[in-house]
Amino acid sequence: MVGALAVGVQASPVPEGNITARTTYFSGDAIFYYPGGNVGACGAHMQNFDFIATLSSAHYHDGAHLRNKYEIVADTGNIDATIGDLCPGSATEQIDLSLGAFSALA
């Protein structure tokens, strides 16, 4: 079963000297997935209950966003999720959320 939400992702403020790419907002759909303890591109084990998000190739920027927290905004509420992986099969304006993150917004 796959669910969908409309979400926006906003970057946390960082010192301007540390910015390599700036994507402050995009709007699209969210689906959930089960990380199941697998190691993401971030190098960490990701659990189903963690608040993890993966990005499409269009927003991944060679891993520039890995391990950064982003605010996920939905009609049902907001959460902070850590970018943990790339999902090359995702549509451009799609974000995959771990089951825990998705459930917090559902």
N, C-alpha and C. Protein backbone atom coordinates (compact mmCIF):
# COMPACT_ATOMS: atom_id res chain seq x y z
N MET A 1 0.84 -1.18 0.00
CA MET A 1 0.00 0.00 0.00
C MET A 1 0.88 1.24 0.00
N VAL A 2 0.54 2.17 -0.82
CA VAL A 2 1.28 3.43 -0.91
C VAL A 2 0.30 4.56 -0.67
N GLY A 3 0.70 5.52 0.15
CA GLY A 3 -0.13 6.69 0.42
C GLY A 3 0.50 7.91 -0.21
N ALA A 4 -0.25 8.98 -0.28
CA ALA A 4 0.30 10.21 -0.84
C ALA A 4 -0.21 11.41 -0.07
N LEU A 5 0.63 12.41 0.06
CA LEU A 5 0.31 13.69 0.68
C LEU A 5 0.92 14.79 -0.17
N ALA A 6 0.34 15.97 -0.14
CA ALA A 6 0.99 17.13 -0.75
C ALA A 6 1.92 17.72 0.30
N VAL A 7 3.17 17.93 -0.05
CA VAL A 7 4.15 18.42 0.92
C VAL A 7 4.97 19.55 0.33
N GLY A 8 5.58 20.30 1.20
CA GLY A 8 6.58 21.29 0.82
C GLY A 8 7.81 21.04 1.67
N VAL A 9 8.95 21.24 1.14
CA VAL A 9 10.18 21.04 1.89
C VAL A 9 10.91 22.37 1.97
N GLN A 10 11.30 22.76 3.17
CA GLN A 10 12.01 24.01 3.35
C GLN A 10 13.32 23.73 4.05
N ALA A 11 14.38 24.34 3.57
CA ALA A 11 15.71 24.13 4.16
C ALA A 11 15.85 24.92 5.44
N SER A 12 16.59 24.35 6.37
CA SER A 12 16.94 25.08 7.59
C SER A 12 17.97 26.13 7.24
N PRO A 13 17.99 27.26 7.96
CA PRO A 13 18.99 28.29 7.68
C PRO A 13 20.41 27.78 7.94
N VAL A 14 21.31 28.11 7.05
CA VAL A 14 22.72 27.77 7.22
C VAL A 14 23.54 29.01 6.90
N PRO A 15 24.75 29.10 7.43
CA PRO A 15 25.59 30.24 7.08
C PRO A 15 25.79 30.32 5.57
N GLU A 16 25.71 31.51 5.02
CA GLU A 16 25.78 31.68 3.57
C GLU A 16 27.05 31.09 2.98
N GLY A 17 28.16 31.15 3.69
CA GLY A 17 29.41 30.59 3.19
C GLY A 17 29.37 29.08 3.03
N ASN A 18 28.41 28.41 3.67
CA ASN A 18 28.30 26.95 3.60
C ASN A 18 27.33 26.48 2.52
N ILE A 19 26.70 27.39 1.83
CA ILE A 19 25.68 27.01 0.85
C ILE A 19 26.34 26.62 -0.47
N THR A 20 26.05 25.41 -0.92
CA THR A 20 26.55 24.97 -2.22
C THR A 20 25.43 24.92 -3.24
N ALA A 21 24.21 24.71 -2.80
CA ALA A 21 23.04 24.71 -3.67
C ALA A 21 21.87 25.21 -2.84
N ARG A 22 20.97 25.90 -3.46
CA ARG A 22 19.84 26.45 -2.71
C ARG A 22 18.54 26.00 -3.35
N THR A 23 17.88 25.09 -2.69
CA THR A 23 16.54 24.67 -3.05
C THR A 23 15.73 24.83 -1.79
N THR A 24 15.04 25.93 -1.66
CA THR A 24 14.38 26.22 -0.40
C THR A 24 12.96 25.68 -0.33
N TYR A 25 12.37 25.36 -1.46
CA TYR A 25 10.99 24.92 -1.40
C TYR A 25 10.64 24.18 -2.68
N PHE A 26 9.94 23.09 -2.52
CA PHE A 26 9.26 22.51 -3.65
C PHE A 26 7.98 21.86 -3.16
N SER A 27 7.04 21.73 -4.05
CA SER A 27 5.74 21.20 -3.70
C SER A 27 5.53 19.94 -4.52
N GLY A 28 4.98 18.93 -3.89
CA GLY A 28 4.74 17.70 -4.62
C GLY A 28 4.05 16.68 -3.75
N ASP A 29 4.24 15.43 -4.08
CA ASP A 29 3.60 14.32 -3.38
C ASP A 29 4.60 13.60 -2.49
N ALA A 30 4.07 13.04 -1.42
CA ALA A 30 4.88 12.19 -0.54
C ALA A 30 4.28 10.80 -0.54
N ILE A 31 5.14 9.81 -0.55
CA ILE A 31 4.72 8.43 -0.37
C ILE A 31 5.54 7.86 0.78
N PHE A 32 5.11 6.72 1.31
CA PHE A 32 5.90 6.14 2.39
C PHE A 32 6.59 4.88 1.92
N TYR A 33 7.66 4.55 2.65
CA TYR A 33 8.41 3.34 2.38
C TYR A 33 8.92 2.79 3.70
N TYR A 34 9.44 1.60 3.67
CA TYR A 34 9.96 0.92 4.85
C TYR A 34 11.48 0.81 4.74
N PRO A 35 12.24 1.67 5.43
CA PRO A 35 13.70 1.57 5.38
C PRO A 35 14.21 0.23 5.92
N GLY A 36 13.54 -0.31 6.93
CA GLY A 36 13.85 -1.65 7.43
C GLY A 36 15.25 -1.85 7.98
N GLY A 37 15.89 -0.80 8.46
CA GLY A 37 17.24 -0.94 9.02
C GLY A 37 18.35 -0.88 8.00
N ASN A 38 18.01 -0.68 6.74
CA ASN A 38 19.04 -0.60 5.70
C ASN A 38 19.88 0.65 5.86
N VAL A 39 21.09 0.60 5.31
CA VAL A 39 21.99 1.76 5.34
C VAL A 39 21.68 2.62 4.13
N GLY A 40 21.40 3.90 4.37
CA GLY A 40 21.13 4.84 3.29
C GLY A 40 22.41 5.44 2.76
N ALA A 41 22.28 6.28 1.77
CA ALA A 41 23.44 6.98 1.21
C ALA A 41 24.12 7.84 2.26
N CYS A 42 23.41 8.16 3.34
CA CYS A 42 23.97 8.96 4.43
C CYS A 42 24.95 8.15 5.28
N GLY A 43 24.98 6.83 5.08
CA GLY A 43 25.88 5.98 5.84
C GLY A 43 25.32 5.47 7.15
N ALA A 44 24.08 5.79 7.45
CA ALA A 44 23.46 5.38 8.72
C ALA A 44 22.36 4.36 8.46
N HIS A 45 22.14 3.50 9.46
CA HIS A 45 21.00 2.58 9.42
C HIS A 45 19.73 3.39 9.63
N MET A 46 18.75 3.16 8.79
CA MET A 46 17.49 3.90 8.86
C MET A 46 16.38 2.93 9.26
N GLN A 47 15.66 3.27 10.31
CA GLN A 47 14.59 2.41 10.82
C GLN A 47 13.23 2.94 10.35
N ASN A 48 12.25 2.06 10.33
CA ASN A 48 10.90 2.44 9.89
C ASN A 48 10.32 3.59 10.71
N PHE A 49 10.64 3.64 12.00
CA PHE A 49 10.05 4.65 12.89
C PHE A 49 10.83 5.97 12.88
N ASP A 50 12.02 6.01 12.27
CA ASP A 50 12.78 7.26 12.18
C ASP A 50 12.07 8.23 11.24
N PHE A 51 12.32 9.51 11.43
CA PHE A 51 11.77 10.52 10.53
C PHE A 51 12.80 10.78 9.43
N ILE A 52 12.72 9.95 8.37
CA ILE A 52 13.67 9.96 7.26
C ILE A 52 12.93 10.33 5.98
N ALA A 53 13.60 11.08 5.12
CA ALA A 53 13.07 11.40 3.80
C ALA A 53 14.14 11.08 2.76
N THR A 54 13.70 10.68 1.59
CA THR A 54 14.61 10.48 0.46
C THR A 54 14.21 11.47 -0.63
N LEU A 55 15.17 11.85 -1.43
CA LEU A 55 14.93 12.82 -2.49
C LEU A 55 15.06 12.17 -3.86
N SER A 56 14.36 12.74 -4.82
CA SER A 56 14.51 12.31 -6.21
C SER A 56 15.86 12.77 -6.74
N SER A 57 16.26 12.22 -7.86
CA SER A 57 17.53 12.61 -8.47
C SER A 57 17.58 14.11 -8.76
N ALA A 58 16.44 14.71 -9.08
CA ALA A 58 16.40 16.14 -9.41
C ALA A 58 16.76 17.03 -8.23
N HIS A 59 16.52 16.57 -7.02
CA HIS A 59 16.78 17.38 -5.82
C HIS A 59 17.94 16.85 -4.97
N TYR A 60 18.53 15.75 -5.38
CA TYR A 60 19.57 15.10 -4.58
C TYR A 60 20.89 15.88 -4.58
N HIS A 61 21.25 16.47 -5.68
CA HIS A 61 22.46 17.30 -5.82
C HIS A 61 23.72 16.61 -5.27
N ASP A 62 23.99 15.41 -5.78
CA ASP A 62 25.19 14.65 -5.39
C ASP A 62 25.33 14.48 -3.88
N GLY A 63 24.21 14.38 -3.19
CA GLY A 63 24.25 14.13 -1.75
C GLY A 63 24.42 15.36 -0.89
N ALA A 64 24.30 16.55 -1.49
CA ALA A 64 24.51 17.79 -0.73
C ALA A 64 23.55 17.95 0.44
N HIS A 65 22.40 17.29 0.39
CA HIS A 65 21.39 17.45 1.44
C HIS A 65 21.41 16.32 2.47
N LEU A 66 22.25 15.32 2.26
CA LEU A 66 22.28 14.18 3.18
C LEU A 66 22.58 14.63 4.60
N ARG A 67 21.88 14.02 5.54
CA ARG A 67 22.01 14.25 6.98
C ARG A 67 21.51 15.62 7.42
N ASN A 68 20.95 16.41 6.52
CA ASN A 68 20.35 17.69 6.88
C ASN A 68 18.87 17.48 7.20
N LYS A 69 18.36 18.27 8.14
CA LYS A 69 16.94 18.20 8.48
C LYS A 69 16.18 19.24 7.66
N TYR A 70 15.01 18.83 7.20
CA TYR A 70 14.12 19.69 6.44
C TYR A 70 12.74 19.64 7.05
N GLU A 71 12.03 20.73 6.94
CA GLU A 71 10.66 20.78 7.42
C GLU A 71 9.75 20.27 6.31
N ILE A 72 8.95 19.29 6.63
CA ILE A 72 7.96 18.74 5.71
C ILE A 72 6.62 19.33 6.13
N VAL A 73 5.97 20.03 5.21
CA VAL A 73 4.73 20.74 5.51
C VAL A 73 3.59 20.06 4.75
N ALA A 74 2.56 19.68 5.47
CA ALA A 74 1.38 19.08 4.85
C ALA A 74 0.14 19.75 5.44
N ASP A 75 -0.99 19.53 4.82
CA ASP A 75 -2.24 20.09 5.34
C ASP A 75 -2.54 19.57 6.74
N THR A 76 -2.03 18.41 7.07
CA THR A 76 -2.31 17.77 8.36
C THR A 76 -1.31 18.12 9.45
N GLY A 77 -0.24 18.81 9.12
CA GLY A 77 0.76 19.19 10.12
C GLY A 77 2.14 19.31 9.51
N ASN A 78 3.12 19.55 10.36
CA ASN A 78 4.52 19.70 9.94
C ASN A 78 5.38 18.75 10.76
N ILE A 79 6.45 18.26 10.15
CA ILE A 79 7.46 17.47 10.86
C ILE A 79 8.83 17.89 10.34
N ASP A 80 9.86 17.55 11.08
CA ASP A 80 11.23 17.67 10.60
C ASP A 80 11.72 16.27 10.27
N ALA A 81 12.28 16.10 9.10
CA ALA A 81 12.81 14.80 8.67
C ALA A 81 14.23 14.99 8.17
N THR A 82 15.05 13.97 8.37
CA THR A 82 16.44 13.98 7.93
C THR A 82 16.53 13.32 6.56
N ILE A 83 17.24 13.97 5.64
CA ILE A 83 17.46 13.36 4.33
C ILE A 83 18.47 12.24 4.49
N GLY A 84 18.04 11.02 4.17
CA GLY A 84 18.88 9.86 4.40
C GLY A 84 19.30 9.11 3.16
N ASP A 85 18.66 9.39 2.02
CA ASP A 85 18.96 8.57 0.86
C ASP A 85 18.46 9.23 -0.42
N LEU A 86 18.88 8.65 -1.52
CA LEU A 86 18.44 9.00 -2.86
C LEU A 86 17.42 7.96 -3.29
N CYS A 87 16.36 8.39 -3.93
CA CYS A 87 15.41 7.46 -4.52
C CYS A 87 15.33 7.78 -6.01
N PRO A 88 16.20 7.15 -6.82
CA PRO A 88 16.27 7.50 -8.24
C PRO A 88 14.99 7.22 -9.01
N GLY A 89 14.13 6.35 -8.50
CA GLY A 89 12.88 6.04 -9.19
C GLY A 89 11.76 7.01 -8.90
N SER A 90 11.98 7.95 -7.99
CA SER A 90 10.93 8.90 -7.63
C SER A 90 10.72 9.94 -8.73
N ALA A 91 9.48 10.40 -8.83
CA ALA A 91 9.18 11.51 -9.73
C ALA A 91 9.91 12.75 -9.22
N THR A 92 10.14 13.71 -10.09
CA THR A 92 10.90 14.92 -9.74
C THR A 92 10.37 15.58 -8.48
N GLU A 93 9.08 15.82 -8.39
CA GLU A 93 8.49 16.51 -7.25
C GLU A 93 7.84 15.52 -6.29
N GLN A 94 8.57 14.47 -5.97
CA GLN A 94 8.09 13.47 -5.01
C GLN A 94 9.13 13.29 -3.93
N ILE A 95 8.68 13.07 -2.72
CA ILE A 95 9.56 12.77 -1.61
C ILE A 95 9.06 11.49 -0.97
N ASP A 96 9.98 10.59 -0.66
CA ASP A 96 9.62 9.36 0.02
C ASP A 96 9.89 9.55 1.50
N LEU A 97 8.91 9.23 2.33
CA LEU A 97 9.05 9.37 3.78
C LEU A 97 9.02 7.99 4.42
N SER A 98 9.86 7.81 5.44
CA SER A 98 9.79 6.58 6.21
C SER A 98 8.39 6.46 6.79
N LEU A 99 8.00 5.25 7.13
CA LEU A 99 6.66 5.03 7.66
C LEU A 99 6.39 5.91 8.88
N GLY A 100 7.37 6.07 9.76
CA GLY A 100 7.19 6.91 10.94
C GLY A 100 6.90 8.35 10.59
N ALA A 101 7.64 8.90 9.64
CA ALA A 101 7.44 10.29 9.22
C ALA A 101 6.09 10.46 8.55
N PHE A 102 5.76 9.53 7.66
CA PHE A 102 4.49 9.61 6.94
C PHE A 102 3.31 9.50 7.90
N SER A 103 3.41 8.56 8.84
CA SER A 103 2.33 8.35 9.81
C SER A 103 2.08 9.58 10.67
N ALA A 104 3.14 10.32 10.98
CA ALA A 104 2.99 11.53 11.79
C ALA A 104 2.20 12.61 11.05
N LEU A 105 2.15 12.52 9.74
CA LEU A 105 1.42 13.51 8.94
C LEU A 105 0.06 13.02 8.49
N ALA A 106 -0.16 11.73 8.56
CA ALA A 106 -1.42 11.14 8.05
C ALA A 106 -2.60 11.42 8.96
